[in-house]
């Protein structure tokens, strides 16, 4: 059981890395760095399409990683 959970954790880790790398980049330029990003504060928009999907995938994979890690700790201590 421990080996199965460890394998699932490793697969989940790789999938998290891939999901984060596939997310679209936020185009921050030098002007927003100097102004502190105040313009971005009021121009928040909900992500749509691929960006929203990748955020949900990353969240699910993160929760799964956390649960698998807790399960591994529990199994290794008992």
N, C-alpha and C. Protein backbone atom coordinates (compact mmCIF):
# COMPACT_ATOMS: atom_id res chain seq x y z
N UNK A 1 0.83 -1.19 0.00
CA UNK A 1 0.00 0.00 0.00
C UNK A 1 0.87 1.26 0.00
N UNK A 2 1.93 1.21 0.80
CA UNK A 2 2.83 2.35 0.88
C UNK A 2 3.45 2.64 -0.48
N UNK A 3 3.91 1.60 -1.18
CA UNK A 3 4.54 1.79 -2.48
C UNK A 3 3.55 2.33 -3.51
N UNK A 4 2.32 1.89 -3.44
CA UNK A 4 1.29 2.39 -4.36
C UNK A 4 1.04 3.88 -4.14
N UNK A 5 0.91 4.27 -2.88
CA UNK A 5 0.68 5.68 -2.58
C UNK A 5 1.88 6.53 -2.96
N UNK A 6 3.08 6.00 -2.74
CA UNK A 6 4.28 6.73 -3.12
C UNK A 6 4.36 6.92 -4.62
N UNK A 7 4.00 5.89 -5.37
CA UNK A 7 3.99 6.00 -6.83
C UNK A 7 2.95 7.03 -7.29
N UNK A 8 1.77 7.01 -6.69
CA UNK A 8 0.74 7.99 -7.03
C UNK A 8 1.19 9.41 -6.69
N UNK A 9 1.91 9.56 -5.57
CA UNK A 9 2.42 10.87 -5.19
C UNK A 9 3.45 11.38 -6.19
N UNK A 10 4.31 10.51 -6.65
CA UNK A 10 5.31 10.91 -7.64
C UNK A 10 4.66 11.29 -8.98
N UNK A 11 3.67 10.53 -9.40
CA UNK A 11 2.95 10.84 -10.64
C UNK A 11 2.22 12.19 -10.49
N UNK A 12 1.60 12.40 -9.33
CA UNK A 12 0.90 13.65 -9.08
C UNK A 12 1.88 14.82 -9.09
N UNK A 13 3.06 14.62 -8.55
CA UNK A 13 4.08 15.68 -8.54
C UNK A 13 4.46 16.10 -9.95
N UNK A 14 4.67 15.12 -10.81
CA UNK A 14 5.03 15.42 -12.20
C UNK A 14 3.88 16.13 -12.90
N UNK A 15 2.65 15.69 -12.64
CA UNK A 15 1.49 16.33 -13.26
C UNK A 15 1.30 17.77 -12.78
N UNK A 16 1.61 18.04 -11.51
CA UNK A 16 1.54 19.41 -11.02
C UNK A 16 2.56 20.29 -11.74
N UNK A 17 3.76 19.78 -11.91
CA UNK A 17 4.78 20.55 -12.61
C UNK A 17 4.34 20.86 -14.04
N UNK A 18 3.79 19.86 -14.72
CA UNK A 18 3.33 20.06 -16.10
C UNK A 18 2.18 21.07 -16.14
N UNK A 19 1.24 20.95 -15.19
CA UNK A 19 0.09 21.86 -15.17
C UNK A 19 0.52 23.30 -14.92
N UNK A 20 1.47 23.50 -14.04
CA UNK A 20 1.94 24.86 -13.75
C UNK A 20 2.67 25.43 -14.96
N UNK A 21 3.47 24.62 -15.61
CA UNK A 21 4.21 25.11 -16.77
C UNK A 21 3.30 25.40 -17.96
N UNK A 22 2.14 24.74 -18.04
CA UNK A 22 1.22 24.96 -19.15
C UNK A 22 0.34 26.18 -18.96
N UNK A 23 0.31 26.75 -17.75
CA UNK A 23 -0.54 27.91 -17.53
C UNK A 23 0.01 29.11 -18.29
N UNK A 24 -0.90 29.92 -18.85
CA UNK A 24 -0.45 31.11 -19.58
C UNK A 24 0.28 32.07 -18.64
N UNK A 25 1.29 32.72 -19.17
CA UNK A 25 2.09 33.66 -18.38
C UNK A 25 1.32 34.96 -18.17
N UNK A 26 1.49 35.52 -17.02
CA UNK A 26 0.95 36.85 -16.76
C UNK A 26 1.98 37.84 -17.29
N UNK A 27 1.60 38.66 -18.23
CA UNK A 27 2.54 39.58 -18.86
C UNK A 27 2.73 40.81 -18.00
N UNK A 28 3.65 40.72 -17.08
CA UNK A 28 4.00 41.88 -16.26
C UNK A 28 5.15 42.60 -16.93
N UNK A 29 5.01 43.89 -17.05
CA UNK A 29 6.08 44.68 -17.65
C UNK A 29 6.73 45.55 -16.58
N UNK A 30 7.72 46.31 -17.00
CA UNK A 30 8.47 47.14 -16.05
C UNK A 30 7.59 48.22 -15.44
N UNK A 31 6.62 48.72 -16.17
CA UNK A 31 5.76 49.78 -15.65
C UNK A 31 4.93 49.28 -14.47
N UNK A 32 4.42 48.07 -14.55
CA UNK A 32 3.64 47.55 -13.42
C UNK A 32 4.53 47.23 -12.23
N UNK A 33 5.78 46.87 -12.49
CA UNK A 33 6.70 46.62 -11.39
C UNK A 33 7.02 47.91 -10.65
N UNK A 34 7.16 49.02 -11.39
CA UNK A 34 7.50 50.29 -10.76
C UNK A 34 6.29 50.93 -10.08
N UNK A 35 5.11 50.73 -10.64
CA UNK A 35 3.91 51.33 -10.05
C UNK A 35 3.30 50.45 -8.96
N UNK A 36 3.85 49.30 -8.75
CA UNK A 36 3.33 48.41 -7.72
C UNK A 36 2.14 47.61 -8.18
N UNK A 37 1.83 47.67 -9.45
CA UNK A 37 0.71 46.90 -9.97
C UNK A 37 -0.64 47.47 -9.62
N UNK A 38 -0.72 48.76 -9.31
CA UNK A 38 -1.98 49.38 -8.93
C UNK A 38 -3.00 49.32 -10.06
N UNK A 39 -2.54 49.36 -11.30
CA UNK A 39 -3.47 49.30 -12.43
C UNK A 39 -4.12 47.93 -12.52
N UNK A 40 -3.40 46.93 -12.09
CA UNK A 40 -3.94 45.57 -12.14
C UNK A 40 -4.99 45.32 -11.06
N UNK A 41 -4.97 46.15 -10.02
CA UNK A 41 -5.89 45.95 -8.91
C UNK A 41 -7.34 46.10 -9.34
N UNK A 42 -7.61 47.06 -10.19
CA UNK A 42 -8.98 47.33 -10.60
C UNK A 42 -9.35 46.67 -11.93
N UNK A 43 -8.41 46.03 -12.57
CA UNK A 43 -8.71 45.40 -13.85
C UNK A 43 -8.75 43.88 -13.74
N UNK A 44 -9.11 43.39 -12.58
CA UNK A 44 -9.18 41.94 -12.39
C UNK A 44 -10.34 41.37 -13.21
N UNK A 45 -10.04 40.32 -13.95
CA UNK A 45 -11.07 39.64 -14.71
C UNK A 45 -10.99 38.16 -14.38
N UNK A 46 -12.13 37.52 -14.45
CA UNK A 46 -12.14 36.09 -14.20
C UNK A 46 -11.47 35.38 -15.37
N UNK A 47 -10.64 34.39 -15.06
CA UNK A 47 -10.02 33.64 -16.15
C UNK A 47 -11.08 32.85 -16.92
N UNK A 48 -10.87 32.72 -18.21
CA UNK A 48 -11.83 32.02 -19.06
C UNK A 48 -11.10 31.00 -19.90
N UNK A 49 -11.83 29.99 -20.31
CA UNK A 49 -11.30 29.01 -21.25
C UNK A 49 -10.18 28.18 -20.67
N UNK A 50 -9.09 28.13 -21.41
CA UNK A 50 -7.96 27.27 -21.06
C UNK A 50 -7.34 27.67 -19.73
N UNK A 51 -7.25 28.96 -19.48
CA UNK A 51 -6.64 29.43 -18.23
C UNK A 51 -7.46 28.98 -17.02
N UNK A 52 -8.77 29.08 -17.10
CA UNK A 52 -9.63 28.64 -16.00
C UNK A 52 -9.52 27.13 -15.81
N UNK A 53 -9.48 26.39 -16.90
CA UNK A 53 -9.36 24.94 -16.82
C UNK A 53 -8.04 24.55 -16.15
N UNK A 54 -6.94 25.20 -16.54
CA UNK A 54 -5.64 24.86 -15.97
C UNK A 54 -5.56 25.24 -14.49
N UNK A 55 -6.23 26.31 -14.09
CA UNK A 55 -6.25 26.66 -12.67
C UNK A 55 -7.00 25.61 -11.87
N UNK A 56 -8.10 25.10 -12.41
CA UNK A 56 -8.86 24.07 -11.71
C UNK A 56 -8.07 22.77 -11.63
N UNK A 57 -7.39 22.41 -12.72
CA UNK A 57 -6.58 21.20 -12.73
C UNK A 57 -5.46 21.31 -11.70
N UNK A 58 -4.82 22.46 -11.64
CA UNK A 58 -3.73 22.66 -10.68
C UNK A 58 -4.24 22.58 -9.25
N UNK A 59 -5.41 23.14 -8.99
CA UNK A 59 -6.00 23.08 -7.65
C UNK A 59 -6.32 21.65 -7.26
N UNK A 60 -6.93 20.90 -8.16
CA UNK A 60 -7.28 19.51 -7.87
C UNK A 60 -6.02 18.67 -7.62
N UNK A 61 -5.01 18.87 -8.46
CA UNK A 61 -3.77 18.13 -8.28
C UNK A 61 -3.08 18.51 -6.97
N UNK A 62 -3.16 19.77 -6.58
CA UNK A 62 -2.57 20.20 -5.30
C UNK A 62 -3.27 19.57 -4.11
N UNK A 63 -4.60 19.52 -4.15
CA UNK A 63 -5.35 18.88 -3.07
C UNK A 63 -5.04 17.39 -3.03
N UNK A 64 -4.97 16.75 -4.18
CA UNK A 64 -4.63 15.34 -4.24
C UNK A 64 -3.24 15.08 -3.69
N UNK A 65 -2.28 15.96 -4.00
CA UNK A 65 -0.92 15.84 -3.47
C UNK A 65 -0.94 15.90 -1.94
N UNK A 66 -1.68 16.86 -1.42
CA UNK A 66 -1.77 17.02 0.03
C UNK A 66 -2.37 15.78 0.69
N UNK A 67 -3.45 15.26 0.12
CA UNK A 67 -4.10 14.07 0.69
C UNK A 67 -3.20 12.84 0.60
N UNK A 68 -2.51 12.67 -0.52
CA UNK A 68 -1.59 11.53 -0.65
C UNK A 68 -0.44 11.65 0.33
N UNK A 69 0.07 12.84 0.54
CA UNK A 69 1.15 13.04 1.50
C UNK A 69 0.69 12.71 2.92
N UNK A 70 -0.52 13.14 3.27
CA UNK A 70 -1.05 12.81 4.60
C UNK A 70 -1.26 11.31 4.76
N UNK A 71 -1.75 10.65 3.72
CA UNK A 71 -1.96 9.21 3.76
C UNK A 71 -0.63 8.48 3.93
N UNK A 72 0.40 8.94 3.24
CA UNK A 72 1.72 8.33 3.38
C UNK A 72 2.27 8.49 4.78
N UNK A 73 2.09 9.64 5.37
CA UNK A 73 2.55 9.87 6.75
C UNK A 73 1.81 8.96 7.71
N UNK A 74 0.50 8.84 7.51
CA UNK A 74 -0.30 7.98 8.39
C UNK A 74 0.13 6.52 8.28
N UNK A 75 0.31 6.05 7.05
CA UNK A 75 0.70 4.65 6.85
C UNK A 75 2.11 4.38 7.37
N UNK A 76 3.01 5.31 7.18
CA UNK A 76 4.38 5.07 7.62
C UNK A 76 4.50 5.11 9.15
N UNK A 77 3.57 5.78 9.82
CA UNK A 77 3.64 5.84 11.29
C UNK A 77 2.91 4.69 11.96
N UNK A 78 2.14 3.95 11.18
CA UNK A 78 1.40 2.81 11.77
C UNK A 78 1.87 1.51 11.21
